[in-house]
Amino acid sequence: MASKQSDVNQYVTAVLVSHDGATWITEVVAALTSQSRKIDRVIAIDTDSKDESAKRLRSAGITTLSMSRGTGFGDAIDEALLKYPSKNSESVTEWIWLIHDDSAPAKNALAELLAAIENRPTVAIAGPKIKGWHDRNHLLEIGVSIAGNGARWTGLEYREQDQGQRDGIKEELAVSTAGSLIRRDVYEELGGLDPNLSLFRDDVDFGWRANVAGHSVISVSNAVIFHAEAAASERRSVDVSEAFLHRPLLLDRRNAAYVILANSSNWLL
């Protein structure tokens, strides 16, 4: 259960990036609007979807910006933040809640993330437990790191089922961008997600840089999000400009090497 401590000084802006996500977007929007802790502001960015993603977002009353089809995830977020000024003040801390168009947070997800950051002033990024979209007991991630060979490392067994064995609030190198709650001032201080990582590994790079800058990154098991992982599983095309032949595996490998080269001088692997 979420903490009863007040979160009145936390302002949350959810930023949803959509790209041919009509298969999942209706459930995602329903999950956002039914949060037990109401989201203060929701902004969507549609990257020229060929399906009805943008139409469904606007029909739900969500402010939706339009960008080109090759726009990366981080660039889309930056555009939203550029258009909508920060709410930070002496009495208010703004957090941005990053939402993929194929990821639906459980009803109490935001409340649990906010409860976890209460009385943890060094925390700048908090991420949920990520479970499968179809098999909702399949544990996909709860915090993430990177191996010396560039492989994404979750510490989980193949198709591990969630029985509470990974539960708790834990320090991490990084958390997935799917459902991550990030202090806006820290996001801007670090320059946002690396524009060279338009898709894949941007989460590891950002968490790595946040740790080096002295901020804490935590995973919060009581906050849950269900993720279809549509791009990684090739259930939709990858259209960012760096993607060779629209193949996610090749882009992921390229970005893994980049992340290690860009960050290894600041961290002992």
C-alpha atoms as a PDB file:
ATOM      1  CA  MET A   1       0.000   0.000   0.000  1.00  0.00           C
ATOM      2  CA  ALA A   2       1.245   3.483  -0.803  1.00  0.00           C
ATOM      3  CA  SER A   3       2.464   5.691   2.004  1.00  0.00           C
ATOM      4  CA  LYS A   4      -0.043   8.044   3.638  1.00  0.00           C
ATOM      5  CA  GLN A   5       2.571  10.813   3.601  1.00  0.00           C
ATOM      6  CA  SER A   6       1.530  13.899   1.658  1.00  0.00           C
ATOM      7  CA  ASP A   7       2.714  14.393  -1.903  1.00  0.00           C
ATOM      8  CA  VAL A   8       1.063  17.799  -2.330  1.00  0.00           C
ATOM      9  CA  ASN A   9       4.430  19.407  -3.182  1.00  0.00           C
ATOM     10  CA  GLN A  10       5.032  17.027  -6.077  1.00  0.00           C
ATOM     11  CA  TYR A  11       3.712  18.069  -9.495  1.00  0.00           C
ATOM     12  CA  VAL A  12       3.642  15.232 -12.017  1.00  0.00           C
ATOM     13  CA  THR A  13       3.685  15.681 -15.781  1.00  0.00           C
ATOM     14  CA  ALA A  14       3.128  12.453 -17.694  1.00  0.00           C
ATOM     15  CA  VAL A  15       4.771  12.447 -21.121  1.00  0.00           C
ATOM     16  CA  LEU A  16       3.445   9.781 -23.487  1.00  0.00           C
ATOM     17  CA  VAL A  17       5.222   9.134 -26.791  1.00  0.00           C
ATOM     18  CA  SER A  18       3.197   7.293 -29.434  1.00  0.00           C
ATOM     19  CA  HIS A  19       4.322   5.656 -32.667  1.00  0.00           C
ATOM     20  CA  ASP A  20       1.848   3.310 -34.332  1.00  0.00           C
ATOM     21  CA  GLY A  21       0.613   2.340 -30.896  1.00  0.00           C
ATOM     22  CA  ALA A  22      -3.131   2.065 -31.547  1.00  0.00           C
ATOM     23  CA  THR A  23      -3.098  -1.596 -30.514  1.00  0.00           C
ATOM     24  CA  TRP A  24      -2.263  -0.597 -26.937  1.00  0.00           C
ATOM     25  CA  ILE A  25      -3.024   3.120 -26.646  1.00  0.00           C
ATOM     26  CA  THR A  26      -6.636   2.831 -25.469  1.00  0.00           C
ATOM     27  CA  GLU A  27      -5.624   0.681 -22.498  1.00  0.00           C
ATOM     28  CA  VAL A  28      -2.645   2.934 -21.771  1.00  0.00           C
ATOM     29  CA  VAL A  29      -4.845   6.045 -21.688  1.00  0.00           C
ATOM     30  CA  ALA A  30      -7.363   4.277 -19.449  1.00  0.00           C
ATOM     31  CA  ALA A  31      -4.553   3.311 -17.073  1.00  0.00           C
ATOM     32  CA  LEU A  32      -3.314   6.895 -16.888  1.00  0.00           C
ATOM     33  CA  THR A  33      -6.734   8.414 -16.281  1.00  0.00           C
ATOM     34  CA  SER A  34      -7.564   5.892 -13.543  1.00  0.00           C
ATOM     35  CA  GLN A  35      -4.456   6.459 -11.410  1.00  0.00           C
ATOM     36  CA  SER A  36      -5.269   6.576  -7.700  1.00  0.00           C
ATOM     37  CA  ARG A  37      -3.009   9.619  -7.460  1.00  0.00           C
ATOM     38  CA  LYS A  38      -4.218  11.932 -10.198  1.00  0.00           C
ATOM     39  CA  ILE A  39      -1.628  13.030 -12.763  1.00  0.00           C
ATOM     40  CA  ASP A  40      -1.356  16.818 -12.785  1.00  0.00           C
ATOM     41  CA  ARG A  41      -0.654  17.194 -16.500  1.00  0.00           C
ATOM     42  CA  VAL A  42      -0.598  14.751 -19.427  1.00  0.00           C
ATOM     43  CA  ILE A  43       1.185  15.560 -22.680  1.00  0.00           C
ATOM     44  CA  ALA A  44       1.345  13.200 -25.646  1.00  0.00           C
ATOM     45  CA  ILE A  45       3.665  13.371 -28.639  1.00  0.00           C
ATOM     46  CA  ASP A  46       2.709  11.410 -31.723  1.00  0.00           C
ATOM     47  CA  THR A  47       5.504  10.735 -34.194  1.00  0.00           C
ATOM     48  CA  ASP A  48       3.447  10.658 -37.384  1.00  0.00           C
ATOM     49  CA  SER A  49       1.717   7.367 -36.627  1.00  0.00           C
ATOM     50  CA  LYS A  50       0.183   5.575 -39.600  1.00  0.00           C
ATOM     51  CA  ASP A  51      -2.608   4.177 -37.450  1.00  0.00           C
ATOM     52  CA  GLU A  52      -5.199   5.891 -35.238  1.00  0.00           C
ATOM     53  CA  SER A  53      -2.865   6.605 -32.309  1.00  0.00           C
ATOM     54  CA  ALA A  54      -3.086  10.404 -32.557  1.00  0.00           C
ATOM     55  CA  LYS A  55      -6.840  10.348 -33.156  1.00  0.00           C
ATOM     56  CA  ARG A  56      -7.437   8.199 -30.097  1.00  0.00           C
ATOM     57  CA  LEU A  57      -5.244  10.392 -27.916  1.00  0.00           C
ATOM     58  CA  ARG A  58      -7.049  13.559 -28.960  1.00  0.00           C
ATOM     59  CA  SER A  59     -10.437  11.881 -28.592  1.00  0.00           C
ATOM     60  CA  ALA A  60      -9.483  11.137 -24.989  1.00  0.00           C
ATOM     61  CA  GLY A  61      -8.897  14.855 -24.436  1.00  0.00           C
ATOM     62  CA  ILE A  62      -5.114  14.547 -24.179  1.00  0.00           C
ATOM     63  CA  THR A  63      -3.005  17.408 -25.484  1.00  0.00           C
ATOM     64  CA  THR A  64      -1.130  15.843 -28.406  1.00  0.00           C
ATOM     65  CA  LEU A  65       1.846  17.316 -30.231  1.00  0.00           C
ATOM     66  CA  SER A  66       2.885  16.094 -33.680  1.00  0.00           C
ATOM     67  CA  MET A  67       6.440  15.317 -34.763  1.00  0.00           C
ATOM     68  CA  SER A  68       8.064  13.587 -37.720  1.00  0.00           C
ATOM     69  CA  ARG A  69       8.102   9.818 -38.059  1.00  0.00           C
ATOM     70  CA  GLY A  70      11.852   9.528 -37.518  1.00  0.00           C
ATOM     71  CA  THR A  71      11.790  11.401 -34.192  1.00  0.00           C
ATOM     72  CA  GLY A  72      13.541   9.610 -31.350  1.00  0.00           C
ATOM     73  CA  PHE A  73      12.010   9.031 -27.919  1.00  0.00           C
ATOM     74  CA  GLY A  74      14.227  11.578 -26.167  1.00  0.00           C
ATOM     75  CA  ASP A  75      13.694  14.249 -28.811  1.00  0.00           C
ATOM     76  CA  ALA A  76       9.938  13.828 -28.449  1.00  0.00           C
ATOM     77  CA  ILE A  77      10.168  14.301 -24.690  1.00  0.00           C
ATOM     78  CA  ASP A  78      12.354  17.374 -25.102  1.00  0.00           C
ATOM     79  CA  GLU A  79       9.809  18.929 -27.470  1.00  0.00           C
ATOM     80  CA  ALA A  80       7.041  18.447 -24.923  1.00  0.00           C
ATOM     81  CA  LEU A  81       9.093  20.018 -22.145  1.00  0.00           C
ATOM     82  CA  LEU A  82      10.052  22.909 -24.414  1.00  0.00           C
ATOM     83  CA  LYS A  83       6.390  23.654 -25.126  1.00  0.00           C
ATOM     84  CA  TYR A  84       5.276  23.326 -21.511  1.00  0.00           C
ATOM     85  CA  PRO A  85       7.387  25.275 -18.985  1.00  0.00           C
ATOM     86  CA  SER A  86       8.537  23.807 -15.698  1.00  0.00           C
ATOM     87  CA  LYS A  87       6.301  23.998 -12.638  1.00  0.00           C
ATOM     88  CA  ASN A  88       9.294  23.916 -10.283  1.00  0.00           C
ATOM     89  CA  SER A  89       9.296  26.524  -7.526  1.00  0.00           C
ATOM     90  CA  GLU A  90      10.480  26.872  -3.932  1.00  0.00           C
ATOM     91  CA  SER A  91       7.453  24.897  -2.779  1.00  0.00           C
ATOM     92  CA  VAL A  92       6.865  22.551  -5.724  1.00  0.00           C
ATOM     93  CA  THR A  93       9.027  19.871  -7.334  1.00  0.00           C
ATOM     94  CA  GLU A  94       8.009  18.781 -10.808  1.00  0.00           C
ATOM     95  CA  TRP A  95       8.500  15.186 -11.890  1.00  0.00           C
ATOM     96  CA  ILE A  96       8.099  13.865 -15.413  1.00  0.00           C
ATOM     97  CA  TRP A  97       6.570  10.420 -15.792  1.00  0.00           C
ATOM     98  CA  LEU A  98       7.712   8.787 -19.018  1.00  0.00           C
ATOM     99  CA  ILE A  99       5.145   6.515 -20.622  1.00  0.00           C
ATOM    100  CA  HIS A 100       5.583   4.293 -23.674  1.00  0.00           C
ATOM    101  CA  ASP A 101       2.505   3.824 -25.852  1.00  0.00           C
ATOM    102  CA  ASP A 102       2.622   0.082 -25.146  1.00  0.00           C
ATOM    103  CA  SER A 103       2.985   0.318 -21.359  1.00  0.00           C
ATOM    104  CA  ALA A 104       0.050   0.511 -18.957  1.00  0.00           C
ATOM    105  CA  PRO A 105       0.712   1.371 -15.300  1.00  0.00           C
ATOM    106  CA  ALA A 106      -1.252  -0.348 -12.567  1.00  0.00           C
ATOM    107  CA  LYS A 107      -3.767   1.876 -10.790  1.00  0.00           C
ATOM    108  CA  ASN A 108      -1.497   2.646  -7.832  1.00  0.00           C
ATOM    109  CA  ALA A 109       1.776   2.896  -9.790  1.00  0.00           C
ATOM    110  CA  LEU A 110       2.217   6.656  -9.542  1.00  0.00           C
ATOM    111  CA  ALA A 111       1.181   6.726  -5.886  1.00  0.00           C
ATOM    112  CA  GLU A 112       3.758   4.056  -5.064  1.00  0.00           C
ATOM    113  CA  LEU A 113       6.541   5.843  -6.940  1.00  0.00           C
ATOM    114  CA  LEU A 114       5.791   9.078  -5.102  1.00  0.00           C
ATOM    115  CA  ALA A 115       5.636   7.248  -1.771  1.00  0.00           C
ATOM    116  CA  ALA A 116       9.074   5.766  -2.449  1.00  0.00           C
ATOM    117  CA  ILE A 117      10.726   9.125  -3.112  1.00  0.00           C
ATOM    118  CA  GLU A 118       9.245  10.665   0.020  1.00  0.00           C
ATOM    119  CA  ASN A 119      12.081  11.330   2.494  1.00  0.00           C
ATOM    120  CA  ARG A 120      14.677  10.230  -0.086  1.00  0.00           C
ATOM    121  CA  PRO A 121      15.989  13.612  -1.260  1.00  0.00           C
ATOM    122  CA  THR A 122      18.874  12.179  -3.294  1.00  0.00           C
ATOM    123  CA  VAL A 123      16.557  10.171  -5.546  1.00  0.00           C
ATOM    124  CA  ALA A 124      16.183  11.695  -9.001  1.00  0.00           C
ATOM    125  CA  ILE A 125      14.831   8.673 -10.886  1.00  0.00           C
ATOM    126  CA  ALA A 126      12.384   6.011  -9.694  1.00  0.00           C
ATOM    127  CA  GLY A 127      11.264   3.118 -11.865  1.00  0.00           C
ATOM    128  CA  PRO A 128       8.519   0.514 -11.477  1.00  0.00           C
ATOM    129  CA  LYS A 129       8.537  -3.256 -11.645  1.00  0.00           C
ATOM    130  CA  ILE A 130       7.892  -4.135 -15.301  1.00  0.00           C
ATOM    131  CA  LYS A 131       5.739  -7.154 -16.108  1.00  0.00           C
ATOM    132  CA  GLY A 132       4.498  -8.673 -19.345  1.00  0.00           C
ATOM    133  CA  TRP A 133       1.545  -7.278 -21.258  1.00  0.00           C
ATOM    134  CA  HIS A 134       0.040 -10.693 -22.049  1.00  0.00           C
ATOM    135  CA  ASP A 135       1.531 -12.873 -19.303  1.00  0.00           C
ATOM    136  CA  ARG A 136       1.020 -10.471 -16.440  1.00  0.00           C
ATOM    137  CA  ASN A 137       3.033 -12.540 -14.013  1.00  0.00           C
ATOM    138  CA  HIS A 138       6.107 -12.536 -16.266  1.00  0.00           C
ATOM    139  CA  LEU A 139       8.784 -10.356 -14.678  1.00  0.00           C
ATOM    140  CA  LEU A 140      10.536  -8.356 -17.411  1.00  0.00           C
ATOM    141  CA  GLU A 141      12.645  -5.890 -15.442  1.00  0.00           C
ATOM    142  CA  ILE A 142      13.107  -4.329 -12.053  1.00  0.00           C
ATOM    143  CA  GLY A 143      16.149  -2.150 -12.518  1.00  0.00           C
ATOM    144  CA  VAL A 144      18.753  -2.638 -15.221  1.00  0.00           C
ATOM    145  CA  SER A 145      22.517  -2.522 -15.677  1.00  0.00           C
ATOM    146  CA  ILE A 146      24.973  -3.308 -18.459  1.00  0.00           C
ATOM    147  CA  ALA A 147      27.559  -6.064 -18.758  1.00  0.00           C
ATOM    148  CA  GLY A 148      31.122  -5.491 -19.857  1.00  0.00           C
ATOM    149  CA  ASN A 149      30.304  -6.834 -23.314  1.00  0.00           C
ATOM    150  CA  GLY A 150      27.416  -4.396 -23.660  1.00  0.00           C
ATOM    151  CA  ALA A 151      24.636  -6.895 -22.948  1.00  0.00           C
ATOM    152  CA  ARG A 152      21.596  -5.533 -21.149  1.00  0.00           C
ATOM    153  CA  TRP A 153      21.645  -7.067 -17.668  1.00  0.00           C
ATOM    154  CA  THR A 154      18.498  -7.405 -15.566  1.00  0.00           C
ATOM    155  CA  GLY A 155      19.651 -10.123 -13.173  1.00  0.00           C
ATOM    156  CA  LEU A 156      16.513 -12.123 -13.965  1.00  0.00           C
ATOM    157  CA  GLU A 157      16.133 -15.719 -15.057  1.00  0.00           C
ATOM    158  CA  TYR A 158      14.606 -16.529 -18.454  1.00  0.00           C
ATOM    159  CA  ARG A 159      10.829 -15.989 -18.250  1.00  0.00           C
ATOM    160  CA  GLU A 160      11.070 -15.522 -14.492  1.00  0.00           C
ATOM    161  CA  GLN A 161       7.681 -15.398 -12.798  1.00  0.00           C
ATOM    162  CA  ASP A 162       6.942 -12.749 -10.200  1.00  0.00           C
ATOM    163  CA  GLN A 163       6.463 -14.282  -6.764  1.00  0.00           C
ATOM    164  CA  GLY A 164       7.691 -11.261  -4.828  1.00  0.00           C
ATOM    165  CA  GLN A 165      11.264 -12.563  -4.804  1.00  0.00           C
ATOM    166  CA  ARG A 166      12.689  -9.292  -6.165  1.00  0.00           C
ATOM    167  CA  ASP A 167      10.534  -6.953  -4.120  1.00  0.00           C
ATOM    168  CA  GLY A 168      11.732  -3.880  -2.293  1.00  0.00           C
ATOM    169  CA  ILE A 169      13.097  -0.417  -2.990  1.00  0.00           C
ATOM    170  CA  LYS A 170      16.616  -0.804  -4.345  1.00  0.00           C
ATOM    171  CA  GLU A 171      19.435   1.354  -5.680  1.00  0.00           C
ATOM    172  CA  GLU A 172      20.097   0.749  -9.377  1.00  0.00           C
ATOM    173  CA  LEU A 173      22.412   1.852 -12.153  1.00  0.00           C
ATOM    174  CA  ALA A 174      19.330   2.557 -14.250  1.00  0.00           C
ATOM    175  CA  VAL A 175      15.656   1.798 -14.763  1.00  0.00           C
ATOM    176  CA  SER A 176      13.682   1.467 -17.980  1.00  0.00           C
ATOM    177  CA  THR A 177      12.177   4.636 -19.419  1.00  0.00           C
ATOM    178  CA  ALA A 178       8.830   2.795 -19.451  1.00  0.00           C
ATOM    179  CA  GLY A 179       7.156   4.281 -16.399  1.00  0.00           C
ATOM    180  CA  SER A 180      10.218   6.018 -14.985  1.00  0.00           C
ATOM    181  CA  LEU A 181       9.575   9.041 -12.773  1.00  0.00           C
ATOM    182  CA  ILE A 182      12.304  11.658 -13.167  1.00  0.00           C
ATOM    183  CA  ARG A 183      12.854  14.952 -11.411  1.00  0.00           C
ATOM    184  CA  ARG A 184      12.486  17.540 -14.146  1.00  0.00           C
ATOM    185  CA  ASP A 185      15.324  19.745 -12.942  1.00  0.00           C
ATOM    186  CA  VAL A 186      17.697  16.768 -13.002  1.00  0.00           C
ATOM    187  CA  TYR A 187      16.472  15.705 -16.434  1.00  0.00           C
ATOM    188  CA  GLU A 188      17.263  19.185 -17.722  1.00  0.00           C
ATOM    189  CA  GLU A 189      20.539  19.425 -15.775  1.00  0.00           C
ATOM    190  CA  LEU A 190      21.766  16.239 -17.475  1.00  0.00           C
ATOM    191  CA  GLY A 191      20.622  17.391 -20.900  1.00  0.00           C
ATOM    192  CA  GLY A 192      17.848  14.828 -21.160  1.00  0.00           C
ATOM    193  CA  LEU A 193      18.205  11.525 -22.957  1.00  0.00           C
ATOM    194  CA  ASP A 194      21.216  11.350 -25.264  1.00  0.00           C
ATOM    195  CA  PRO A 195      20.085  12.374 -28.789  1.00  0.00           C
ATOM    196  CA  ASN A 196      22.512   9.804 -30.202  1.00  0.00           C
ATOM    197  CA  LEU A 197      20.339   7.106 -28.618  1.00  0.00           C
ATOM    198  CA  SER A 198      17.013   7.692 -30.313  1.00  0.00           C
ATOM    199  CA  LEU A 199      15.737   4.285 -29.199  1.00  0.00           C
ATOM    200  CA  PHE A 200      17.175   1.516 -26.969  1.00  0.00           C
ATOM    201  CA  ARG A 201      19.827   1.909 -24.238  1.00  0.00           C
ATOM    202  CA  ASP A 202      18.880   5.554 -23.627  1.00  0.00           C
ATOM    203  CA  ASP A 203      17.653   4.433 -20.207  1.00  0.00           C
ATOM    204  CA  VAL A 204      20.966   2.838 -19.175  1.00  0.00           C
ATOM    205  CA  ASP A 205      22.929   5.835 -20.408  1.00  0.00           C
ATOM    206  CA  PHE A 206      20.709   8.317 -18.557  1.00  0.00           C
ATOM    207  CA  GLY A 207      20.758   6.378 -15.289  1.00  0.00           C
ATOM    208  CA  TRP A 208      24.524   5.983 -15.555  1.00  0.00           C
ATOM    209  CA  ARG A 209      24.970   9.737 -16.010  1.00  0.00           C
ATOM    210  CA  ALA A 210      22.595  10.462 -13.137  1.00  0.00           C
ATOM    211  CA  ASN A 211      24.605   8.223 -10.800  1.00  0.00           C
ATOM    212  CA  VAL A 212      27.876   9.851 -11.845  1.00  0.00           C
ATOM    213  CA  ALA A 213      26.333  13.261 -11.148  1.00  0.00           C
ATOM    214  CA  GLY A 214      25.581  12.176  -7.576  1.00  0.00           C
ATOM    215  CA  HIS A 215      21.889  11.369  -7.884  1.00  0.00           C
ATOM    216  CA  SER A 216      20.218   8.140  -6.801  1.00  0.00           C
ATOM    217  CA  VAL A 217      18.245   5.824  -9.067  1.00  0.00           C
ATOM    218  CA  ILE A 218      15.830   3.378  -7.455  1.00  0.00           C
ATOM    219  CA  SER A 219      13.488   0.587  -8.482  1.00  0.00           C
ATOM    220  CA  VAL A 220      10.154   0.386  -6.676  1.00  0.00           C
ATOM    221  CA  SER A 221       8.525  -3.039  -6.750  1.00  0.00           C
ATOM    222  CA  ASN A 222       5.172  -1.868  -5.380  1.00  0.00           C
ATOM    223  CA  ALA A 223       4.769   0.249  -8.514  1.00  0.00           C
ATOM    224  CA  VAL A 224       3.947  -1.987 -11.481  1.00  0.00           C
ATOM    225  CA  ILE A 225       3.659  -1.346 -15.207  1.00  0.00           C
ATOM    226  CA  PHE A 226       2.705  -3.825 -17.928  1.00  0.00           C
ATOM    227  CA  HIS A 227       4.819  -3.531 -21.078  1.00  0.00           C
ATOM    228  CA  ALA A 228       4.313  -5.088 -24.520  1.00  0.00           C
ATOM    229  CA  GLU A 229       7.898  -4.294 -25.639  1.00  0.00           C
ATOM    230  CA  ALA A 230       6.520  -3.871 -29.153  1.00  0.00           C
ATOM    231  CA  ALA A 231       9.619  -2.375 -30.775  1.00  0.00           C
ATOM    232  CA  ALA A 232      12.111  -4.811 -29.249  1.00  0.00           C
ATOM    233  CA  SER A 233       9.937  -7.786 -30.200  1.00  0.00           C
ATOM    234  CA  GLU A 234       9.438  -6.431 -33.744  1.00  0.00           C
ATOM    235  CA  ARG A 235       5.673  -6.159 -33.369  1.00  0.00           C
ATOM    236  CA  ARG A 236       5.994  -2.798 -35.082  1.00  0.00           C
ATOM    237  CA  SER A 237       8.603  -1.156 -37.283  1.00  0.00           C
ATOM    238  CA  VAL A 238      11.504   0.849 -35.886  1.00  0.00           C
ATOM    239  CA  ASP A 239      11.565   4.091 -37.851  1.00  0.00           C
ATOM    240  CA  VAL A 240      14.119   6.269 -36.064  1.00  0.00           C
ATOM    241  CA  SER A 241      16.780   7.599 -38.404  1.00  0.00           C
ATOM    242  CA  GLU A 242      19.619   5.469 -36.953  1.00  0.00           C
ATOM    243  CA  ALA A 243      17.816   2.141 -37.379  1.00  0.00           C
ATOM    244  CA  PHE A 244      19.471   0.033 -40.093  1.00  0.00           C
ATOM    245  CA  LEU A 245      16.819  -1.761 -42.178  1.00  0.00           C
ATOM    246  CA  HIS A 246      14.340  -1.113 -39.349  1.00  0.00           C
ATOM    247  CA  ARG A 247      15.975  -3.893 -37.318  1.00  0.00           C
ATOM    248  CA  PRO A 248      15.851  -3.349 -33.530  1.00  0.00           C
ATOM    249  CA  LEU A 249      18.561  -5.892 -32.678  1.00  0.00           C
ATOM    250  CA  LEU A 250      21.148  -4.155 -34.844  1.00  0.00           C
ATOM    251  CA  LEU A 251      20.245  -0.765 -33.379  1.00  0.00           C
ATOM    252  CA  ASP A 252      20.404  -2.157 -29.846  1.00  0.00           C
ATOM    253  CA  ARG A 253      23.904  -3.566 -30.412  1.00  0.00           C
ATOM    254  CA  ARG A 254      25.120  -0.328 -31.923  1.00  0.00           C
ATOM    255  CA  ASN A 255      23.742   1.662 -28.990  1.00  0.00           C
ATOM    256  CA  ALA A 256      25.206  -0.738 -26.419  1.00  0.00           C
ATOM    257  CA  ALA A 257      28.696  -0.067 -27.741  1.00  0.00           C
ATOM    258  CA  TYR A 258      28.033   3.657 -27.736  1.00  0.00           C
ATOM    259  CA  VAL A 259      26.863   3.661 -24.101  1.00  0.00           C
ATOM    260  CA  ILE A 260      29.987   1.846 -22.916  1.00  0.00           C
ATOM    261  CA  LEU A 261      32.317   4.126 -24.857  1.00  0.00           C
ATOM    262  CA  ALA A 262      30.509   7.263 -23.722  1.00  0.00           C
ATOM    263  CA  ASN A 263      30.371   6.379 -20.028  1.00  0.00           C
ATOM    264  CA  SER A 264      33.080   3.888 -19.094  1.00  0.00           C
ATOM    265  CA  SER A 265      35.621   6.597 -18.290  1.00  0.00           C
ATOM    266  CA  ASN A 266      33.304   7.743 -15.489  1.00  0.00           C
ATOM    267  CA  TRP A 267      32.515   4.354 -13.979  1.00  0.00           C
ATOM    268  CA  LEU A 268      34.356   1.163 -13.109  1.00  0.00           C
ATOM    269  CA  LEU A 269      32.587  -1.620 -14.990  1.00  0.00           C
END
